[in-house]
Amino acid sequence: MSFWGRWFGNGGLSNPEEGAQSSGKSSTTTEAGVVLTDERAMALSAVWSCVRLISETVGSLPLAIYERTADGRQVATDHYLNELLLVSPNALMTPLEFREAMTMQLALWGNGYAHIERDSKGIPTSLTPLHPGHVTPKREAGGVTYHYQTSKGGHIFAAESILHLKGFGVEGIVGLSPLAYARETLGITAAADKYASKSFTSGSRPSGVLTVDRVLTPEQREALRAIYANLDSNSLWVLEGGTGYQQLSLPPDDLQMLESRQFQLGDIARFFRVPSHMINDHTKDTSWGTGIEQQNIGFLTYTLRPYLTRWESTISNALLSRTDRRRYFAEHKVEGLLRADSGARAAFYSQMAQNGIMSRNEIRKKENLPPVEGGDELTVQVNLTPVQDLPSAVGAGDMNGN
């Protein structure tokens, strides 16, 4: 047994040094007695909300290809990756749809796969997503190959033909599947949903019961049932012959079920590293700050940043040649997520301009405003200049009032 096998045992984490690489447990049967397929997991509102939040946010963030220059960087507007990633990744998908689908694969299965088509010069011309459930990476002596199996047959791809987004993993060959390792938690949630559905299907629990002080004959029992069946919940009951009425409260086991279902929201959110308040769970106050800006910063730092970094490094490794990697790189623009209210934004820009960090035109560009003449100069405030340096800062003539 390998080192990882001795460490993790037979829990599905250990991969052989060569052969098929596993992303997690394969069983869909849970201890709660629910068969939890990937589709059933997505039907859980917490899973849907977490995956949609991550996928749509990452997919909609602006992505740019940059060229390294002697004094920093500049947007590489003529690079071929602009056409591939920002205009048309394939004939059927927009850039948003492609990155959204690939990020969804990464969030659910821990791996996202896309087939890379190249021209005669080896330049990528198309990216087509492959379903992770049909892809098996196999580690071999010469590297890794990707075995893609569908109803029409199988195909083996070389590593150079696959864009592979990898999530958190042990050996770096495949990412671990959140769905696989959250299956027991999701099974409990699915079982609670099933129990609740059956309760409503069977007419739910009555709001009260009728008690009679003697044993009824079959005819009397049927007559009483007929009376009950003809009355709705807003009707006034007429009780005769010593019949009593008792109000029912929600039983303790049902209260525990409601608490359990509420707990599962946060438990599922933990698997996806999404703060529960962002999937409409407001039972507890968030500790991420009171303003939307602070919450966005926390979400970006702890949830989105690993996804964005994986995207950027994978683009570099899979779509750029070794020579181009030294010159070009991809990076997401996250300023939109960090945009605060107008007052806080104005104070930030003021500080950046007064300290010579940003020019007026750089600020105007971020606000989608056209440049102005003279706006490219960096300026600083001189009101805190030491007294002995004032003549050189403002000019001797100004010191004399001229």
Protein backbone atom coordinates (compact mmCIF):
# COMPACT_ATOMS: atom_id res chain seq x y z
CA MET A 1 0.00 0.00 0.00
CA SER A 2 1.24 3.50 -0.87
CA PHE A 3 2.03 6.20 1.65
CA TRP A 4 -1.32 7.88 1.02
CA GLY A 5 -3.10 4.55 1.34
CA ARG A 6 -1.51 3.96 4.73
CA TRP A 7 -2.51 7.48 5.76
CA PHE A 8 -6.12 7.54 4.61
CA GLY A 9 -6.93 3.82 4.49
CA ASN A 10 -9.76 2.72 2.23
CA GLY A 11 -11.82 5.90 2.43
CA GLY A 12 -11.56 6.63 -1.29
CA LEU A 13 -8.86 9.28 -0.97
CA SER A 14 -5.83 7.22 -1.88
CA ASN A 15 -4.97 6.97 -5.56
CA PRO A 16 -2.66 4.33 -6.99
CA GLU A 17 0.67 5.53 -8.26
CA GLU A 18 -0.48 4.47 -11.71
CA GLY A 19 -3.93 3.80 -13.10
CA ALA A 20 -7.33 5.43 -12.74
CA GLN A 21 -7.44 8.39 -10.37
CA SER A 22 -10.43 8.71 -8.05
CA SER A 23 -11.98 12.02 -7.01
CA GLY A 24 -13.89 10.55 -4.08
CA LYS A 25 -16.34 7.93 -2.85
CA SER A 26 -18.40 6.31 -5.58
CA SER A 27 -21.38 4.99 -3.59
CA THR A 28 -24.65 6.91 -3.88
CA THR A 29 -26.40 5.12 -1.00
CA THR A 30 -26.32 7.05 2.26
CA GLU A 31 -26.73 5.98 5.88
CA ALA A 32 -30.00 7.93 5.93
CA GLY A 33 -31.42 5.37 3.51
CA VAL A 34 -31.56 7.79 0.56
CA VAL A 35 -30.00 7.09 -2.81
CA LEU A 36 -28.39 10.43 -3.54
CA THR A 37 -27.46 10.96 -7.17
CA ASP A 38 -25.78 14.13 -8.39
CA GLU A 39 -29.09 15.32 -9.81
CA ARG A 40 -30.85 14.71 -6.48
CA ALA A 41 -28.14 16.66 -4.69
CA MET A 42 -28.67 19.63 -7.00
CA ALA A 43 -32.38 19.54 -6.13
CA LEU A 44 -31.48 20.57 -2.56
CA SER A 45 -31.93 24.32 -2.30
CA ALA A 46 -28.71 24.89 -0.34
CA VAL A 47 -26.60 23.01 -2.91
CA TRP A 48 -28.28 24.81 -5.80
CA SER A 49 -27.78 28.21 -4.14
CA CYS A 50 -24.11 27.63 -3.27
CA VAL A 51 -23.17 26.28 -6.69
CA ARG A 52 -25.12 28.94 -8.55
CA LEU A 53 -23.64 31.75 -6.45
CA ILE A 54 -20.07 30.59 -7.07
CA SER A 55 -20.52 29.69 -10.75
CA GLU A 56 -22.39 32.80 -11.83
CA THR A 57 -20.09 35.15 -9.93
CA VAL A 58 -16.86 33.62 -11.26
CA GLY A 59 -18.27 33.29 -14.78
CA SER A 60 -19.39 36.93 -14.89
CA LEU A 61 -16.17 38.49 -13.59
CA PRO A 62 -14.19 40.27 -16.32
CA LEU A 63 -11.13 38.33 -17.47
CA ALA A 64 -8.19 39.92 -19.28
CA ILE A 65 -5.00 38.71 -20.95
CA TYR A 66 -1.98 40.81 -19.98
CA GLU A 67 1.52 41.20 -21.37
CA ARG A 68 4.42 41.82 -19.01
CA THR A 69 6.35 44.98 -19.84
CA ALA A 70 9.49 46.65 -18.52
CA ASP A 71 7.47 49.03 -16.34
CA GLY A 72 4.60 46.72 -15.39
CA ARG A 73 1.98 45.26 -17.68
CA GLN A 74 -0.48 46.12 -20.41
CA VAL A 75 -3.58 44.49 -21.85
CA ALA A 76 -2.63 42.15 -24.72
CA THR A 77 -5.48 43.08 -27.02
CA ASP A 78 -4.11 41.14 -30.02
CA HIS A 79 -3.41 37.84 -28.25
CA TYR A 80 -5.24 34.76 -29.55
CA LEU A 81 -6.61 33.94 -26.09
CA ASN A 82 -8.82 37.02 -26.29
CA GLU A 83 -10.80 35.42 -29.11
CA LEU A 84 -10.92 32.05 -27.33
CA LEU A 85 -11.81 33.18 -23.80
CA LEU A 86 -13.50 36.54 -24.28
CA VAL A 87 -15.35 36.19 -27.59
CA SER A 88 -16.13 32.57 -28.56
CA PRO A 89 -14.78 29.51 -26.71
CA ASN A 90 -16.77 27.20 -29.03
CA ALA A 91 -19.59 27.34 -31.54
CA LEU A 92 -22.33 26.74 -28.98
CA MET A 93 -21.39 28.79 -25.92
CA THR A 94 -20.67 32.38 -24.94
CA PRO A 95 -17.64 33.09 -22.71
CA LEU A 96 -19.98 33.54 -19.74
CA GLU A 97 -21.70 30.22 -20.34
CA PHE A 98 -18.41 28.39 -20.79
CA ARG A 99 -16.72 29.70 -17.64
CA GLU A 100 -19.95 29.30 -15.69
CA ALA A 101 -20.29 25.64 -16.72
CA MET A 102 -16.65 24.85 -16.01
CA THR A 103 -16.81 26.55 -12.59
CA MET A 104 -19.96 24.58 -11.81
CA GLN A 105 -18.09 21.35 -12.58
CA LEU A 106 -15.30 22.44 -10.26
CA ALA A 107 -17.70 23.37 -7.45
CA LEU A 108 -19.71 20.14 -7.64
CA TRP A 109 -17.24 17.44 -8.68
CA GLY A 110 -13.91 19.04 -7.79
CA ASN A 111 -12.78 18.80 -11.43
CA GLY A 112 -13.68 20.62 -14.61
CA TYR A 113 -12.73 19.25 -18.03
CA ALA A 114 -12.77 20.81 -21.49
CA HIS A 115 -11.46 19.40 -24.76
CA ILE A 116 -8.90 21.66 -26.45
CA GLU A 117 -8.91 21.75 -30.24
CA ARG A 118 -5.76 23.19 -31.84
CA ASP A 119 -4.77 24.33 -35.29
CA SER A 120 -1.76 23.06 -37.24
CA LYS A 121 0.52 25.40 -35.27
CA GLY A 122 -0.72 24.11 -31.91
CA ILE A 123 -2.69 27.25 -31.09
CA PRO A 124 -5.95 26.54 -29.21
CA THR A 125 -9.02 27.31 -31.32
CA SER A 126 -11.89 25.77 -29.36
CA LEU A 127 -12.76 24.69 -25.82
CA THR A 128 -15.63 22.23 -25.32
CA PRO A 129 -16.70 21.13 -21.80
CA LEU A 130 -16.76 17.39 -21.00
CA HIS A 131 -18.96 15.97 -18.25
CA PRO A 132 -16.76 15.06 -15.24
CA GLY A 133 -18.77 11.90 -14.62
CA HIS A 134 -17.59 10.52 -17.95
CA VAL A 135 -13.91 11.44 -17.58
CA THR A 136 -11.34 9.24 -15.84
CA PRO A 137 -7.77 10.56 -15.56
CA LYS A 138 -5.25 7.73 -15.66
CA ARG A 139 -1.75 8.14 -14.37
CA GLU A 140 0.81 6.36 -16.51
CA ALA A 141 4.57 6.21 -16.74
CA GLY A 142 4.63 8.90 -19.42
CA GLY A 143 2.19 11.24 -17.68
CA VAL A 144 -1.60 11.48 -17.50
CA THR A 145 -4.20 10.52 -20.11
CA TYR A 146 -7.91 11.29 -19.96
CA HIS A 147 -10.39 8.53 -20.79
CA TYR A 148 -13.77 9.89 -21.90
CA GLN A 149 -16.62 7.39 -22.01
CA THR A 150 -20.09 8.08 -23.46
CA SER A 151 -22.95 6.02 -24.87
CA LYS A 152 -21.33 6.32 -28.29
CA GLY A 153 -18.05 4.85 -27.13
CA GLY A 154 -14.81 5.92 -25.56
CA HIS A 155 -11.96 8.23 -26.44
CA ILE A 156 -8.51 8.72 -24.95
CA PHE A 157 -7.14 12.27 -24.82
CA ALA A 158 -3.54 13.29 -24.21
CA ALA A 159 -2.94 15.80 -21.43
CA GLU A 160 -2.26 18.52 -24.03
CA SER A 161 -5.82 18.12 -25.35
CA ILE A 162 -7.57 18.70 -22.01
CA LEU A 163 -8.04 21.85 -19.97
CA HIS A 164 -8.31 20.42 -16.46
CA LEU A 165 -9.49 22.63 -13.60
CA LYS A 166 -8.48 20.81 -10.40
CA GLY A 167 -9.93 21.46 -6.99
CA PHE A 168 -8.51 20.71 -3.57
CA GLY A 169 -6.77 17.32 -3.74
CA VAL A 170 -4.20 14.99 -2.25
CA GLU A 171 -1.78 14.13 -5.03
CA GLY A 172 -2.43 16.99 -7.44
CA ILE A 173 -3.70 14.72 -10.24
CA VAL A 174 -7.42 15.11 -9.52
CA GLY A 175 -9.45 17.26 -7.17
CA LEU A 176 -11.67 15.77 -4.48
CA SER A 177 -15.39 15.84 -5.18
CA PRO A 178 -17.42 17.96 -2.72
CA LEU A 179 -20.53 15.99 -3.68
CA ALA A 180 -18.84 12.68 -2.88
CA TYR A 181 -17.64 13.73 0.55
CA ALA A 182 -20.77 15.68 1.44
CA ARG A 183 -23.04 12.81 0.45
CA GLU A 184 -23.95 11.78 4.02
CA THR A 185 -24.78 15.37 4.96
CA LEU A 186 -26.78 15.78 1.77
CA GLY A 187 -28.49 12.44 2.43
CA ILE A 188 -29.76 13.68 5.79
CA THR A 189 -31.11 16.82 4.14
CA ALA A 190 -32.78 14.81 1.37
CA ALA A 191 -34.32 12.45 3.94
CA ALA A 192 -35.71 15.41 5.90
CA ASP A 193 -37.18 16.85 2.70
CA LYS A 194 -38.73 13.48 1.88
CA TYR A 195 -40.25 13.23 5.37
CA ALA A 196 -41.71 16.73 5.08
CA SER A 197 -43.15 15.97 1.65
CA LYS A 198 -44.84 12.83 2.90
CA SER A 199 -46.33 14.75 5.80
CA PHE A 200 -47.94 17.23 3.43
CA THR A 201 -48.97 14.51 0.98
CA SER A 202 -50.87 12.65 3.70
CA GLY A 203 -52.82 15.75 4.63
CA SER A 204 -50.30 17.03 7.16
CA ARG A 205 -51.05 16.87 10.87
CA PRO A 206 -54.57 17.82 12.04
CA SER A 207 -54.89 20.93 14.17
CA GLY A 208 -57.03 19.09 16.73
CA VAL A 209 -58.62 15.75 17.66
CA LEU A 210 -62.13 14.69 18.58
CA THR A 211 -62.48 12.58 21.72
CA VAL A 212 -65.59 10.60 22.59
CA ASP A 213 -66.37 9.23 26.08
CA ARG A 214 -67.53 5.81 24.82
CA VAL A 215 -66.76 3.22 22.18
CA LEU A 216 -68.54 4.03 18.94
CA THR A 217 -70.39 1.60 16.73
CA PRO A 218 -69.11 1.27 13.14
CA GLU A 219 -72.06 3.35 11.94
CA GLN A 220 -71.34 6.12 14.46
CA ARG A 221 -67.64 6.04 13.59
CA GLU A 222 -68.37 6.42 9.88
CA ALA A 223 -70.82 9.22 10.59
CA LEU A 224 -68.19 11.07 12.64
CA ARG A 225 -65.61 10.59 9.90
CA ALA A 226 -68.12 11.96 7.38
CA ILE A 227 -68.60 15.07 9.51
CA TYR A 228 -64.83 15.56 9.78
CA ALA A 229 -64.34 15.06 6.04
CA ASN A 230 -66.93 17.73 5.19
CA LEU A 231 -65.39 20.38 7.43
CA ASP A 232 -62.44 22.54 6.43
CA SER A 233 -59.93 24.06 8.82
CA ASN A 234 -61.91 27.33 9.09
CA SER A 235 -65.23 25.70 9.96
CA LEU A 236 -66.82 25.84 13.38
CA TRP A 237 -67.20 22.35 14.78
CA VAL A 238 -70.51 21.37 16.39
CA LEU A 239 -69.79 18.81 19.13
CA GLU A 240 -72.56 16.62 20.48
CA GLY A 241 -73.04 13.69 22.83
CA GLY A 242 -70.10 14.45 25.10
CA THR A 243 -67.61 14.88 22.27
CA GLY A 244 -64.61 16.99 23.31
CA TYR A 245 -61.98 18.94 21.36
CA GLN A 246 -58.27 19.06 22.13
CA GLN A 247 -55.85 21.51 20.48
CA LEU A 248 -52.60 19.95 19.20
CA SER A 249 -49.26 21.71 19.26
CA LEU A 250 -46.32 20.82 17.04
CA PRO A 251 -44.76 17.69 18.56
CA PRO A 252 -41.15 17.73 19.79
CA ASP A 253 -39.94 15.35 17.06
CA ASP A 254 -41.28 17.67 14.35
CA LEU A 255 -39.64 20.63 16.04
CA GLN A 256 -36.35 18.73 15.99
CA MET A 257 -36.87 18.01 12.29
CA LEU A 258 -37.28 21.72 11.58
CA GLU A 259 -34.17 22.51 13.58
CA SER A 260 -32.30 19.76 11.75
CA ARG A 261 -33.33 21.14 8.36
CA GLN A 262 -32.20 24.60 9.42
CA PHE A 263 -28.87 23.21 10.64
CA GLN A 264 -28.31 21.46 7.32
CA LEU A 265 -28.27 24.80 5.48
CA GLY A 266 -25.13 25.87 7.31
CA ASP A 267 -23.63 22.39 7.15
CA ILE A 268 -23.98 22.27 3.36
CA ALA A 269 -22.66 25.82 3.03
CA ARG A 270 -19.52 24.74 4.90
CA PHE A 271 -18.71 22.15 2.24
CA PHE A 272 -18.80 24.86 -0.43
CA ARG A 273 -17.15 27.49 1.79
CA VAL A 274 -20.06 29.85 1.25
CA PRO A 275 -21.21 32.05 4.16
CA SER A 276 -24.72 30.90 5.03
CA HIS A 277 -26.12 34.43 4.98
CA MET A 278 -25.38 34.55 1.24
CA ILE A 279 -27.82 31.69 0.57
CA ASN A 280 -30.63 33.42 2.47
CA ASP A 281 -30.00 31.75 5.83
CA HIS A 282 -30.58 34.64 8.23
CA THR A 283 -31.00 32.69 11.45
CA LYS A 284 -27.64 33.96 12.66
CA ASP A 285 -25.89 37.27 12.26
CA THR A 286 -22.86 37.27 10.00
CA SER A 287 -19.47 38.05 11.50
CA TRP A 288 -18.20 39.32 8.13
CA GLY A 289 -19.05 42.95 8.82
CA THR A 290 -22.23 44.95 8.51
CA GLY A 291 -21.66 46.56 5.12
CA ILE A 292 -22.07 44.89 1.75
CA GLU A 293 -18.50 45.92 0.92
CA GLN A 294 -17.06 43.99 3.87
CA GLN A 295 -19.17 40.95 3.05
CA ASN A 296 -18.04 41.07 -0.58
CA ILE A 297 -14.39 41.30 0.49
CA GLY A 298 -14.79 38.23 2.72
CA PHE A 299 -16.59 36.30 -0.01
CA LEU A 300 -13.93 37.23 -2.56
CA THR A 301 -11.02 36.41 -0.24
CA TYR A 302 -12.14 33.11 1.25
CA THR A 303 -14.53 31.67 -1.35
CA LEU A 304 -13.82 33.02 -4.82
CA ARG A 305 -10.08 33.58 -4.73
CA PRO A 306 -9.16 29.85 -4.94
CA TYR A 307 -11.47 29.47 -7.96
CA LEU A 308 -10.02 32.54 -9.69
CA THR A 309 -6.43 31.47 -9.00
CA ARG A 310 -7.11 27.97 -10.36
CA TRP A 311 -8.65 29.45 -13.50
CA GLU A 312 -5.68 31.75 -14.09
CA SER A 313 -3.00 29.11 -13.51
CA THR A 314 -4.86 26.52 -15.62
CA ILE A 315 -5.21 28.95 -18.52
CA SER A 316 -1.48 29.56 -18.35
CA ASN A 317 -0.49 25.89 -18.15
CA ALA A 318 -2.98 24.49 -20.66
CA LEU A 319 -3.36 27.24 -23.25
CA LEU A 320 0.00 29.04 -23.33
CA SER A 321 3.30 27.67 -24.54
CA ARG A 322 6.22 27.57 -22.13
CA THR A 323 7.72 30.60 -23.86
CA ASP A 324 4.46 32.58 -23.78
CA ARG A 325 4.00 31.92 -20.06
CA ARG A 326 6.97 34.18 -19.35
CA ARG A 327 5.37 37.00 -21.31
CA TYR A 328 1.59 36.65 -20.97
CA PHE A 329 -0.81 35.84 -18.17
CA ALA A 330 -4.55 35.89 -17.42
CA GLU A 331 -6.10 37.75 -14.52
CA HIS A 332 -9.63 38.51 -13.33
CA LYS A 333 -10.79 42.04 -12.59
CA VAL A 334 -12.44 42.02 -9.17
CA GLU A 335 -12.95 45.74 -8.65
CA GLY A 336 -16.66 45.41 -9.37
CA LEU A 337 -17.13 43.14 -6.36
CA LEU A 338 -15.29 45.59 -4.11
CA ARG A 339 -17.17 48.69 -5.24
CA ALA A 340 -18.62 50.40 -2.18
CA ASP A 341 -21.23 53.14 -1.96
CA SER A 342 -20.55 56.42 -3.74
CA GLY A 343 -19.34 58.21 -0.59
CA ALA A 344 -16.79 55.54 0.33
CA ARG A 345 -15.69 55.23 -3.29
CA ALA A 346 -15.15 58.98 -3.58
CA ALA A 347 -13.06 59.00 -0.38
CA PHE A 348 -10.93 56.15 -1.72
CA TYR A 349 -10.32 57.87 -5.06
CA SER A 350 -9.48 61.11 -3.28
CA GLN A 351 -6.82 59.42 -1.22
CA MET A 352 -5.36 57.66 -4.27
CA ALA A 353 -5.19 60.90 -6.27
CA GLN A 354 -3.87 63.10 -3.46
CA ASN A 355 -1.05 60.68 -2.70
CA GLY A 356 0.07 60.29 -6.30
CA ILE A 357 -0.97 56.63 -6.57
CA MET A 358 -3.59 57.06 -9.32
CA SER A 359 -4.07 59.75 -11.95
CA ARG A 360 -7.41 61.46 -12.56
CA ASN A 361 -7.83 59.64 -15.85
CA GLU A 362 -7.20 56.27 -14.20
CA ILE A 363 -9.99 57.10 -11.77
CA ARG A 364 -12.28 58.27 -14.56
CA LYS A 365 -11.65 55.05 -16.46
CA LYS A 366 -12.78 52.97 -13.48
CA GLU A 367 -15.98 55.04 -13.40
CA ASN A 368 -16.52 54.56 -17.15
CA LEU A 369 -15.87 58.25 -17.84
CA PRO A 370 -13.85 59.62 -20.79
CA PRO A 371 -10.31 60.93 -20.15
CA VAL A 372 -9.65 64.66 -19.79
CA GLU A 373 -6.72 66.73 -20.93
CA GLY A 374 -3.98 66.82 -18.31
CA GLY A 375 -5.57 63.98 -16.36
CA ASP A 376 -2.65 61.59 -16.79
CA GLU A 377 -0.37 63.48 -14.40
CA LEU A 378 0.19 62.12 -10.89
CA THR A 379 -0.36 64.79 -8.25
CA VAL A 380 0.23 65.05 -4.50
CA GLN A 381 -0.90 67.37 -1.72
CA VAL A 382 1.76 69.68 -0.25
CA ASN A 383 -0.12 70.95 2.79
CA LEU A 384 1.84 68.61 5.07
CA THR A 385 5.24 69.68 3.70
CA PRO A 386 7.78 70.57 6.44
CA VAL A 387 8.12 74.33 6.95
CA GLN A 388 11.76 74.42 5.90
CA ASP A 389 10.82 72.83 2.56
CA LEU A 390 7.97 75.19 1.67
CA PRO A 391 10.07 77.57 -0.52
CA SER A 392 11.09 74.74 -2.80
CA ALA A 393 7.60 73.23 -2.76
CA VAL A 394 5.50 76.29 -3.62
CA GLY A 395 8.05 78.84 -4.84
CA ALA A 396 9.60 81.85 -3.15
CA GLY A 397 7.31 84.27 -4.99
CA ASP A 398 4.22 82.61 -3.56
CA MET A 399 5.69 82.83 -0.05
CA ASN A 400 5.90 86.63 -0.46
CA GLY A 401 2.31 86.89 -1.59
CA ASN A 402 3.08 87.50 -5.26
